[in-house]
Amino acid sequence: MVLLALYDNDKVTLRKLIERTKSSTAPVNNTVKRSGDWLKRLRRLEAFLRGDISN
């Protein structure tokens, strides 16, 4: 109901709602994914600098 209220339309279909939110959340999802990739890289670098080359 909260999502429906955001679009001021009680008759919006779930499919339309998904389409609308997918396009609006894509930049956020991409940023989160990239942040996860950078975190993995930083952890590998940290392990390398400590001398733990198993990662």
PDB file of N, CA and C in Angstrom:
ATOM      1  N   MET A   1       0.812  -1.202   0.000  1.00  0.00           N
ATOM      2  CA  MET A   1       0.000   0.000   0.000  1.00  0.00           C
ATOM      3  C   MET A   1       0.857   1.268   0.000  1.00  0.00           C
ATOM      4  N   VAL A   2       1.992   1.220   0.659  1.00  0.00           N
ATOM      5  CA  VAL A   2       2.864   2.393   0.683  1.00  0.00           C
ATOM      6  C   VAL A   2       3.344   2.721  -0.720  1.00  0.00           C
ATOM      7  N   LEU A   3       3.774   1.692  -1.457  1.00  0.00           N
ATOM      8  CA  LEU A   3       4.238   1.939  -2.820  1.00  0.00           C
ATOM      9  C   LEU A   3       3.122   2.477  -3.697  1.00  0.00           C
ATOM     10  N   LEU A   4       1.930   1.970  -3.498  1.00  0.00           N
ATOM     11  CA  LEU A   4       0.804   2.470  -4.283  1.00  0.00           C
ATOM     12  C   LEU A   4       0.533   3.933  -3.950  1.00  0.00           C
ATOM     13  N   ALA A   5       0.660   4.286  -2.693  1.00  0.00           N
ATOM     14  CA  ALA A   5       0.431   5.672  -2.286  1.00  0.00           C
ATOM     15  C   ALA A   5       1.471   6.600  -2.903  1.00  0.00           C
ATOM     16  N   LEU A   6       2.676   6.104  -3.059  1.00  0.00           N
ATOM     17  CA  LEU A   6       3.723   6.922  -3.660  1.00  0.00           C
ATOM     18  C   LEU A   6       3.375   7.319  -5.093  1.00  0.00           C
ATOM     19  N   TYR A   7       2.621   6.486  -5.759  1.00  0.00           N
ATOM     20  CA  TYR A   7       2.240   6.769  -7.143  1.00  0.00           C
ATOM     21  C   TYR A   7       0.834   7.364  -7.248  1.00  0.00           C
ATOM     22  N   ASP A   8       0.205   7.660  -6.107  1.00  0.00           N
ATOM     23  CA  ASP A   8      -1.136   8.267  -6.080  1.00  0.00           C
ATOM     24  C   ASP A   8      -2.131   7.526  -6.965  1.00  0.00           C
ATOM     25  N   ASN A   9      -2.066   6.217  -6.968  1.00  0.00           N
ATOM     26  CA  ASN A   9      -2.973   5.460  -7.817  1.00  0.00           C
ATOM     27  C   ASN A   9      -3.219   4.108  -7.167  1.00  0.00           C
ATOM     28  N   ASP A  10      -4.418   3.897  -6.665  1.00  0.00           N
ATOM     29  CA  ASP A  10      -4.758   2.626  -6.041  1.00  0.00           C
ATOM     30  C   ASP A  10      -4.960   1.525  -7.064  1.00  0.00           C
ATOM     31  N   LYS A  11      -5.080   1.879  -8.345  1.00  0.00           N
ATOM     32  CA  LYS A  11      -5.363   0.891  -9.379  1.00  0.00           C
ATOM     33  C   LYS A  11      -4.138   0.499 -10.184  1.00  0.00           C
ATOM     34  N   VAL A  12      -2.954   0.939  -9.755  1.00  0.00           N
ATOM     35  CA  VAL A  12      -1.745   0.581 -10.487  1.00  0.00           C
ATOM     36  C   VAL A  12      -1.529  -0.930 -10.351  1.00  0.00           C
ATOM     37  N   THR A  13      -1.192  -1.569 -11.442  1.00  0.00           N
ATOM     38  CA  THR A  13      -0.984  -3.009 -11.395  1.00  0.00           C
ATOM     39  C   THR A  13       0.414  -3.314 -10.878  1.00  0.00           C
ATOM     40  N   LEU A  14       0.590  -4.498 -10.381  1.00  0.00           N
ATOM     41  CA  LEU A  14       1.890  -4.907  -9.869  1.00  0.00           C
ATOM     42  C   LEU A  14       2.940  -4.844 -10.970  1.00  0.00           C
ATOM     43  N   ARG A  15       2.586  -5.249 -12.165  1.00  0.00           N
ATOM     44  CA  ARG A  15       3.533  -5.212 -13.287  1.00  0.00           C
ATOM     45  C   ARG A  15       3.989  -3.781 -13.580  1.00  0.00           C
ATOM     46  N   LYS A  16       3.045  -2.854 -13.625  1.00  0.00           N
ATOM     47  CA  LYS A  16       3.401  -1.451 -13.863  1.00  0.00           C
ATOM     48  C   LYS A  16       4.260  -0.910 -12.726  1.00  0.00           C
ATOM     49  N   LEU A  17       3.919  -1.296 -11.518  1.00  0.00           N
ATOM     50  CA  LEU A  17       4.688  -0.849 -10.363  1.00  0.00           C
ATOM     51  C   LEU A  17       6.120  -1.356 -10.433  1.00  0.00           C
ATOM     52  N   ILE A  18       6.283  -2.613 -10.820  1.00  0.00           N
ATOM     53  CA  ILE A  18       7.623  -3.185 -10.960  1.00  0.00           C
ATOM     54  C   ILE A  18       8.395  -2.460 -12.053  1.00  0.00           C
ATOM     55  N   GLU A  19       7.757  -2.192 -13.174  1.00  0.00           N
ATOM     56  CA  GLU A  19       8.423  -1.475 -14.271  1.00  0.00           C
ATOM     57  C   GLU A  19       8.878  -0.086 -13.830  1.00  0.00           C
ATOM     58  N   ARG A  20       8.018   0.604 -13.107  1.00  0.00           N
ATOM     59  CA  ARG A  20       8.365   1.953 -12.648  1.00  0.00           C
ATOM     60  C   ARG A  20       9.499   1.926 -11.634  1.00  0.00           C
ATOM     61  N   THR A  21       9.420   1.017 -10.693  1.00  0.00           N
ATOM     62  CA  THR A  21      10.451   0.985  -9.654  1.00  0.00           C
ATOM     63  C   THR A  21      11.758   0.434 -10.192  1.00  0.00           C
ATOM     64  N   LYS A  22      11.685  -0.460 -11.166  1.00  0.00           N
ATOM     65  CA  LYS A  22      12.911  -1.022 -11.736  1.00  0.00           C
ATOM     66  C   LYS A  22      13.740   0.072 -12.395  1.00  0.00           C
ATOM     67  N   SER A  23      13.093   0.930 -13.142  1.00  0.00           N
ATOM     68  CA  SER A  23      13.838   1.989 -13.819  1.00  0.00           C
ATOM     69  C   SER A  23      14.360   3.024 -12.830  1.00  0.00           C
ATOM     70  N   SER A  24      13.654   3.227 -11.731  1.00  0.00           N
ATOM     71  CA  SER A  24      14.103   4.233 -10.768  1.00  0.00           C
ATOM     72  C   SER A  24      15.155   3.688  -9.813  1.00  0.00           C
ATOM     73  N   THR A  25      15.213   2.367  -9.634  1.00  0.00           N
ATOM     74  CA  THR A  25      16.185   1.796  -8.696  1.00  0.00           C
ATOM     75  C   THR A  25      17.429   1.269  -9.387  1.00  0.00           C
ATOM     76  N   ALA A  26      17.448   1.241 -10.704  1.00  0.00           N
ATOM     77  CA  ALA A  26      18.614   0.709 -11.418  1.00  0.00           C
ATOM     78  C   ALA A  26      19.905   1.432 -11.050  1.00  0.00           C
ATOM     79  N   PRO A  27      19.930   2.753 -11.000  1.00  0.00           N
ATOM     80  CA  PRO A  27      21.179   3.419 -10.614  1.00  0.00           C
ATOM     81  C   PRO A  27      21.631   3.047  -9.205  1.00  0.00           C
ATOM     82  N   VAL A  28      20.661   2.883  -8.305  1.00  0.00           N
ATOM     83  CA  VAL A  28      20.998   2.505  -6.928  1.00  0.00           C
ATOM     84  C   VAL A  28      21.572   1.095  -6.903  1.00  0.00           C
ATOM     85  N   ASN A  29      20.934   0.176  -7.609  1.00  0.00           N
ATOM     86  CA  ASN A  29      21.414  -1.204  -7.648  1.00  0.00           C
ATOM     87  C   ASN A  29      22.812  -1.285  -8.241  1.00  0.00           C
ATOM     88  N   ASN A  30      23.061  -0.524  -9.295  1.00  0.00           N
ATOM     89  CA  ASN A  30      24.391  -0.522  -9.909  1.00  0.00           C
ATOM     90  C   ASN A  30      25.438   0.014  -8.949  1.00  0.00           C
ATOM     91  N   THR A  31      25.104   1.056  -8.208  1.00  0.00           N
ATOM     92  CA  THR A  31      26.040   1.633  -7.244  1.00  0.00           C
ATOM     93  C   THR A  31      26.345   0.651  -6.129  1.00  0.00           C
ATOM     94  N   VAL A  32      25.329  -0.038  -5.644  1.00  0.00           N
ATOM     95  CA  VAL A  32      25.535  -1.032  -4.586  1.00  0.00           C
ATOM     96  C   VAL A  32      26.427  -2.158  -5.091  1.00  0.00           C
ATOM     97  N   LYS A  33      26.182  -2.615  -6.309  1.00  0.00           N
ATOM     98  CA  LYS A  33      26.999  -3.686  -6.881  1.00  0.00           C
ATOM     99  C   LYS A  33      28.447  -3.239  -7.019  1.00  0.00           C
ATOM    100  N   ARG A  34      28.656  -2.025  -7.539  1.00  0.00           N
ATOM    101  CA  ARG A  34      30.021  -1.509  -7.694  1.00  0.00           C
ATOM    102  C   ARG A  34      30.699  -1.347  -6.345  1.00  0.00           C
ATOM    103  N   SER A  35      29.952  -0.920  -5.340  1.00  0.00           N
ATOM    104  CA  SER A  35      30.519  -0.768  -3.997  1.00  0.00           C
ATOM    105  C   SER A  35      30.982  -2.113  -3.461  1.00  0.00           C
ATOM    106  N   GLY A  36      30.196  -3.153  -3.704  1.00  0.00           N
ATOM    107  CA  GLY A  36      30.585  -4.496  -3.282  1.00  0.00           C
ATOM    108  C   GLY A  36      31.845  -4.960  -3.983  1.00  0.00           C
ATOM    109  N   ASP A  37      31.953  -4.659  -5.274  1.00  0.00           N
ATOM    110  CA  ASP A  37      33.156  -5.019  -6.035  1.00  0.00           C
ATOM    111  C   ASP A  37      34.379  -4.304  -5.481  1.00  0.00           C
ATOM    112  N   TRP A  38      34.233  -3.015  -5.186  1.00  0.00           N
ATOM    113  CA  TRP A  38      35.363  -2.251  -4.638  1.00  0.00           C
ATOM    114  C   TRP A  38      35.752  -2.762  -3.259  1.00  0.00           C
ATOM    115  N   LEU A  39      34.765  -3.152  -2.455  1.00  0.00           N
ATOM    116  CA  LEU A  39      35.063  -3.684  -1.127  1.00  0.00           C
ATOM    117  C   LEU A  39      35.880  -4.965  -1.236  1.00  0.00           C
ATOM    118  N   LYS A  40      35.518  -5.834  -2.168  1.00  0.00           N
ATOM    119  CA  LYS A  40      36.287  -7.066  -2.381  1.00  0.00           C
ATOM    120  C   LYS A  40      37.719  -6.750  -2.790  1.00  0.00           C
ATOM    121  N   ARG A  41      37.871  -5.777  -3.681  1.00  0.00           N
ATOM    122  CA  ARG A  41      39.216  -5.400  -4.133  1.00  0.00           C
ATOM    123  C   ARG A  41      40.047  -4.835  -2.984  1.00  0.00           C
ATOM    124  N   LEU A  42      39.423  -3.999  -2.166  1.00  0.00           N
ATOM    125  CA  LEU A  42      40.142  -3.427  -1.029  1.00  0.00           C
ATOM    126  C   LEU A  42      40.557  -4.501  -0.029  1.00  0.00           C
ATOM    127  N   ARG A  43      39.687  -5.476   0.196  1.00  0.00           N
ATOM    128  CA  ARG A  43      40.030  -6.571   1.115  1.00  0.00           C
ATOM    129  C   ARG A  43      41.184  -7.402   0.568  1.00  0.00           C
ATOM    130  N   ARG A  44      41.181  -7.635  -0.737  1.00  0.00           N
ATOM    131  CA  ARG A  44      42.297  -8.377  -1.338  1.00  0.00           C
ATOM    132  C   ARG A  44      43.598  -7.595  -1.216  1.00  0.00           C
ATOM    133  N   LEU A  45      43.533  -6.295  -1.446  1.00  0.00           N
ATOM    134  CA  LEU A  45      44.720  -5.450  -1.320  1.00  0.00           C
ATOM    135  C   LEU A  45      45.219  -5.438   0.120  1.00  0.00           C
ATOM    136  N   GLU A  46      44.302  -5.326   1.054  1.00  0.00           N
ATOM    137  CA  GLU A  46      44.673  -5.337   2.471  1.00  0.00           C
ATOM    138  C   GLU A  46      45.366  -6.647   2.830  1.00  0.00           C
ATOM    139  N   ALA A  47      44.811  -7.761   2.378  1.00  0.00           N
ATOM    140  CA  ALA A  47      45.410  -9.068   2.654  1.00  0.00           C
ATOM    141  C   ALA A  47      46.785  -9.167   2.012  1.00  0.00           C
ATOM    142  N   PHE A  48      46.924  -8.667   0.806  1.00  0.00           N
ATOM    143  CA  PHE A  48      48.218  -8.684   0.121  1.00  0.00           C
ATOM    144  C   PHE A  48      49.251  -7.868   0.893  1.00  0.00           C
ATOM    145  N   LEU A  49      48.845  -6.693   1.345  1.00  0.00           N
ATOM    146  CA  LEU A  49      49.763  -5.828   2.079  1.00  0.00           C
ATOM    147  C   LEU A  49      50.165  -6.428   3.429  1.00  0.00           C
ATOM    148  N   ARG A  50      49.287  -7.231   4.011  1.00  0.00           N
ATOM    149  CA  ARG A  50      49.616  -7.916   5.266  1.00  0.00           C
ATOM    150  C   ARG A  50      50.508  -9.122   5.012  1.00  0.00           C
ATOM    151  N   GLY A  51      50.593  -9.542   3.782  1.00  0.00           N
ATOM    152  CA  GLY A  51      51.408 -10.700   3.442  1.00  0.00           C
ATOM    153  C   GLY A  51      50.624 -11.986   3.330  1.00  0.00           C
ATOM    154  N   ASP A  52      49.308 -11.906   3.435  1.00  0.00           N
ATOM    155  CA  ASP A  52      48.441 -13.076   3.294  1.00  0.00           C
ATOM    156  C   ASP A  52      48.083 -13.209   1.821  1.00  0.00           C
ATOM    157  N   ILE A  53      48.814 -14.036   1.091  1.00  0.00           N
ATOM    158  CA  ILE A  53      48.605 -14.140  -0.356  1.00  0.00           C
ATOM    159  C   ILE A  53      47.631 -15.249  -0.733  1.00  0.00           C
ATOM    160  N   SER A  54      46.929 -15.819   0.248  1.00  0.00           N
ATOM    161  CA  SER A  54      45.980 -16.894  -0.056  1.00  0.00           C
ATOM    162  C   SER A  54      44.711 -16.354  -0.702  1.00  0.00           C
ATOM    163  N   ASN A  55      44.430 -15.061  -0.587  1.00  0.00           N
ATOM    164  CA  ASN A  55      43.206 -14.477  -1.174  1.00  0.00           C
ATOM    165  C   ASN A  55      43.420 -14.150  -2.597  1.00  0.00           C
TER     166      ASN A  55
END
